[in-house]
Amino acid sequence: MVAFKEEFPYLRTDSGQLFEFNRDWLHAAITRAADEAGYPRWWLTDHVTESIAFYLHLRNDENVVAFNQLSQTVRYVLKAIGYKEIVPHFAPSPPPISVSLLDIAHHAGAGYELAFFDLLEKRISGLIGTGADNVQLCSLQSCVKQLRGVKTWTRACDALREEIVCFVRERLTAAADFPRLDCSLR
């Protein structure tokens, strides 16, 4: 992957996965740490988030920054501004992974629901295997219409949508040995 000059570098986790930097994700991680440290609605969260974003923007000569390095930078900033008590609470997880169900449906082909479910199961297993803890499955409605081969929503689409939702729930529940996985389906 290549980060364009005006953009932020990608973040790489220990497992090698690449993620795009997201201000909202960093803001939420800092807010959570400050709340746990006893600073609800901490007034410096916006400033620290923007400082880190500016720092990453300056590093646009690098295409990839290690996730650990970003975490260390945030901890350093918190210490430098005199809020070292927040540092032990700052333990961000990688940003959410977004998976397009429509892309999986295109790959399976129109009308091939069995192939779709097989590909979806492989994708979910792969995500669990990499240690992902936050997954967003998107384009559900478009996916269903693609699989049904229709342009307008029908009752059969309702049934297939429910089948996909149940399938995802079952696969995530089956991975009970996995500590925590947040998944949203939209």
Protein backbone atom coordinates (compact mmCIF):
# COMPACT_ATOMS: atom_id res chain seq x y z
CA MET A 1 0.00 0.00 0.00
CA VAL A 2 1.12 3.52 -0.67
CA ALA A 3 0.15 6.52 1.42
CA PHE A 4 -0.27 9.62 -0.70
CA LYS A 5 1.66 12.73 0.23
CA GLU A 6 -1.39 14.60 1.53
CA GLU A 7 -2.61 11.64 3.53
CA PHE A 8 -1.56 9.95 6.74
CA PRO A 9 0.70 6.93 6.80
CA TYR A 10 -0.94 3.57 7.40
CA LEU A 11 -0.69 1.93 10.80
CA ARG A 12 0.70 -1.61 11.03
CA THR A 13 -0.16 -3.95 13.90
CA ASP A 14 2.15 -6.65 15.23
CA SER A 15 0.29 -9.18 13.09
CA GLY A 16 1.14 -7.14 9.98
CA GLN A 17 -2.34 -5.82 9.26
CA LEU A 18 -2.50 -2.31 7.85
CA PHE A 19 -5.09 0.24 8.95
CA GLU A 20 -5.88 3.76 7.92
CA PHE A 21 -5.46 6.38 10.62
CA ASN A 22 -8.79 7.68 11.87
CA ARG A 23 -9.08 10.74 14.13
CA ASP A 24 -12.37 9.54 15.62
CA TRP A 25 -10.82 6.22 16.60
CA LEU A 26 -7.87 7.95 18.31
CA HIS A 27 -10.20 10.47 19.99
CA ALA A 28 -12.32 7.62 21.39
CA ALA A 29 -9.22 5.79 22.71
CA ILE A 30 -7.92 8.93 24.45
CA THR A 31 -11.39 9.71 25.85
CA ARG A 32 -11.71 6.18 27.21
CA ALA A 33 -8.27 6.38 28.87
CA ALA A 34 -8.98 9.80 30.39
CA ASP A 35 -12.36 8.61 31.72
CA GLU A 36 -10.72 5.57 33.34
CA ALA A 37 -8.08 7.84 34.88
CA GLY A 38 -10.75 10.03 36.47
CA TYR A 39 -11.01 12.80 33.88
CA PRO A 40 -14.51 12.53 32.43
CA ARG A 41 -15.01 14.77 29.38
CA TRP A 42 -11.34 15.72 29.53
CA TRP A 43 -10.89 19.13 27.97
CA LEU A 44 -7.56 18.30 26.27
CA THR A 45 -8.75 15.26 24.30
CA ASP A 46 -9.35 17.27 21.12
CA HIS A 47 -5.96 18.98 21.39
CA VAL A 48 -4.02 15.74 21.96
CA THR A 49 -5.86 14.06 19.08
CA GLU A 50 -5.08 16.91 16.71
CA SER A 51 -1.44 17.01 17.85
CA ILE A 52 -1.01 13.33 17.07
CA ALA A 53 -2.77 13.75 13.72
CA PHE A 54 -0.46 16.66 12.88
CA TYR A 55 2.56 14.58 13.89
CA LEU A 56 1.45 11.72 11.61
CA HIS A 57 0.76 14.15 8.79
CA LEU A 58 4.32 15.42 9.08
CA ARG A 59 5.55 11.85 8.75
CA ASN A 60 4.10 11.55 5.27
CA ASP A 61 7.52 10.52 3.96
CA GLU A 62 6.84 7.16 5.62
CA ASN A 63 4.11 4.96 4.16
CA VAL A 64 3.66 2.88 7.30
CA VAL A 65 4.00 3.58 11.02
CA ALA A 66 4.00 0.78 13.57
CA PHE A 67 0.91 0.75 15.77
CA ASN A 68 3.18 0.42 18.83
CA GLN A 69 5.04 3.56 17.77
CA LEU A 70 1.78 5.53 17.59
CA SER A 71 0.82 4.27 21.07
CA GLN A 72 4.22 5.26 22.45
CA THR A 73 3.89 8.70 20.88
CA VAL A 74 0.50 9.27 22.52
CA ARG A 75 1.91 8.12 25.88
CA TYR A 76 4.87 10.48 25.46
CA VAL A 77 2.57 13.41 24.71
CA LEU A 78 0.40 12.64 27.74
CA LYS A 79 3.50 12.58 29.98
CA ALA A 80 4.93 15.74 28.40
CA ILE A 81 1.79 17.77 29.10
CA GLY A 82 1.64 16.57 32.70
CA TYR A 83 -1.05 13.90 32.58
CA LYS A 84 1.04 10.78 33.18
CA GLU A 85 -1.80 9.25 35.23
CA ILE A 86 -3.71 8.70 31.97
CA VAL A 87 -0.85 6.73 30.38
CA PRO A 88 -1.54 3.35 32.05
CA HIS A 89 -5.13 3.51 30.84
CA PHE A 90 -4.23 4.21 27.22
CA ALA A 91 -4.46 0.79 25.58
CA PRO A 92 -6.02 1.31 22.16
CA SER A 93 -7.06 -1.58 20.01
CA PRO A 94 -6.50 -1.38 16.26
CA PRO A 95 -9.10 0.56 14.27
CA PRO A 96 -12.08 -1.39 12.97
CA ILE A 97 -11.66 -3.52 9.87
CA SER A 98 -14.31 -2.81 7.26
CA VAL A 99 -15.45 -5.72 5.09
CA SER A 100 -17.78 -5.17 2.15
CA LEU A 101 -20.40 -7.89 1.92
CA LEU A 102 -21.17 -6.60 -1.57
CA ASP A 103 -17.60 -7.38 -2.67
CA ILE A 104 -18.00 -10.92 -1.31
CA ALA A 105 -21.33 -11.24 -3.16
CA HIS A 106 -19.72 -10.03 -6.42
CA HIS A 107 -16.95 -12.56 -5.97
CA ALA A 108 -19.51 -15.33 -5.37
CA GLY A 109 -21.60 -14.32 -8.38
CA ALA A 110 -25.27 -13.40 -8.66
CA GLY A 111 -27.57 -16.08 -7.32
CA TYR A 112 -24.81 -18.15 -5.75
CA GLU A 113 -25.72 -17.92 -2.09
CA LEU A 114 -23.83 -21.08 -1.13
CA ALA A 115 -20.62 -19.66 -2.57
CA PHE A 116 -21.31 -16.39 -0.76
CA PHE A 117 -21.73 -18.09 2.62
CA ASP A 118 -18.58 -20.15 2.04
CA LEU A 119 -16.57 -17.01 1.21
CA LEU A 120 -18.08 -15.13 4.15
CA GLU A 121 -17.18 -17.95 6.54
CA LYS A 122 -13.60 -17.96 5.26
CA ARG A 123 -13.39 -14.19 5.65
CA ILE A 124 -14.72 -14.26 9.22
CA SER A 125 -12.36 -17.10 10.14
CA GLY A 126 -9.46 -15.19 8.64
CA LEU A 127 -10.31 -12.06 10.63
CA ILE A 128 -10.59 -14.04 13.85
CA GLY A 129 -7.28 -15.73 13.06
CA THR A 130 -5.50 -12.39 12.72
CA GLY A 131 -6.72 -11.24 16.11
CA ALA A 132 -9.04 -8.51 14.84
CA ASP A 133 -11.26 -7.26 17.62
CA ASN A 134 -13.45 -4.77 15.78
CA VAL A 135 -15.07 -5.61 12.44
CA GLN A 136 -17.60 -3.67 10.40
CA LEU A 137 -19.51 -5.71 7.84
CA CYS A 138 -21.02 -3.19 5.45
CA SER A 139 -23.25 -3.00 2.37
CA LEU A 140 -25.67 -5.64 3.62
CA GLN A 141 -28.66 -4.34 1.65
CA SER A 142 -26.71 -4.07 -1.61
CA CYS A 143 -25.26 -7.52 -1.02
CA VAL A 144 -28.70 -9.08 -0.57
CA LYS A 145 -30.03 -7.43 -3.74
CA GLN A 146 -26.95 -8.63 -5.65
CA LEU A 147 -27.39 -12.21 -4.43
CA ARG A 148 -31.12 -12.16 -5.21
CA GLY A 149 -30.51 -10.55 -8.59
CA VAL A 150 -33.10 -7.82 -7.99
CA LYS A 151 -33.11 -4.05 -8.19
CA THR A 152 -35.89 -3.47 -5.67
CA TRP A 153 -36.26 -4.96 -2.23
CA THR A 154 -38.59 -7.96 -1.88
CA ARG A 155 -39.79 -10.30 0.88
CA ALA A 156 -37.22 -12.81 -0.30
CA CYS A 157 -34.60 -10.13 0.39
CA ASP A 158 -35.85 -9.83 3.98
CA ALA A 159 -35.41 -13.57 4.45
CA LEU A 160 -31.89 -13.59 3.01
CA ARG A 161 -30.88 -10.58 5.10
CA GLU A 162 -31.99 -12.40 8.26
CA GLU A 163 -30.16 -15.52 7.13
CA ILE A 164 -26.92 -13.55 6.71
CA VAL A 165 -27.31 -11.88 10.11
CA CYS A 166 -27.93 -15.24 11.79
CA PHE A 167 -24.98 -16.78 9.95
CA VAL A 168 -22.62 -14.05 11.15
CA ARG A 169 -23.90 -14.36 14.74
CA GLU A 170 -23.43 -18.13 14.70
CA ARG A 171 -19.88 -17.89 13.37
CA LEU A 172 -18.91 -15.28 15.95
CA THR A 173 -20.54 -17.26 18.76
CA ALA A 174 -18.68 -20.39 17.63
CA ALA A 175 -15.42 -18.52 18.18
CA ALA A 176 -16.07 -18.52 21.94
CA ASP A 177 -12.37 -19.00 22.73
CA PHE A 178 -11.74 -15.60 21.18
CA PRO A 179 -11.55 -12.98 23.97
CA ARG A 180 -13.59 -10.18 22.41
CA LEU A 181 -14.81 -9.23 18.98
CA ASP A 182 -17.06 -6.27 18.31
CA CYS A 183 -18.92 -6.65 15.05
CA SER A 184 -21.39 -4.34 13.39
CA LEU A 185 -23.49 -5.22 10.37
CA ARG A 186 -24.88 -2.43 8.23
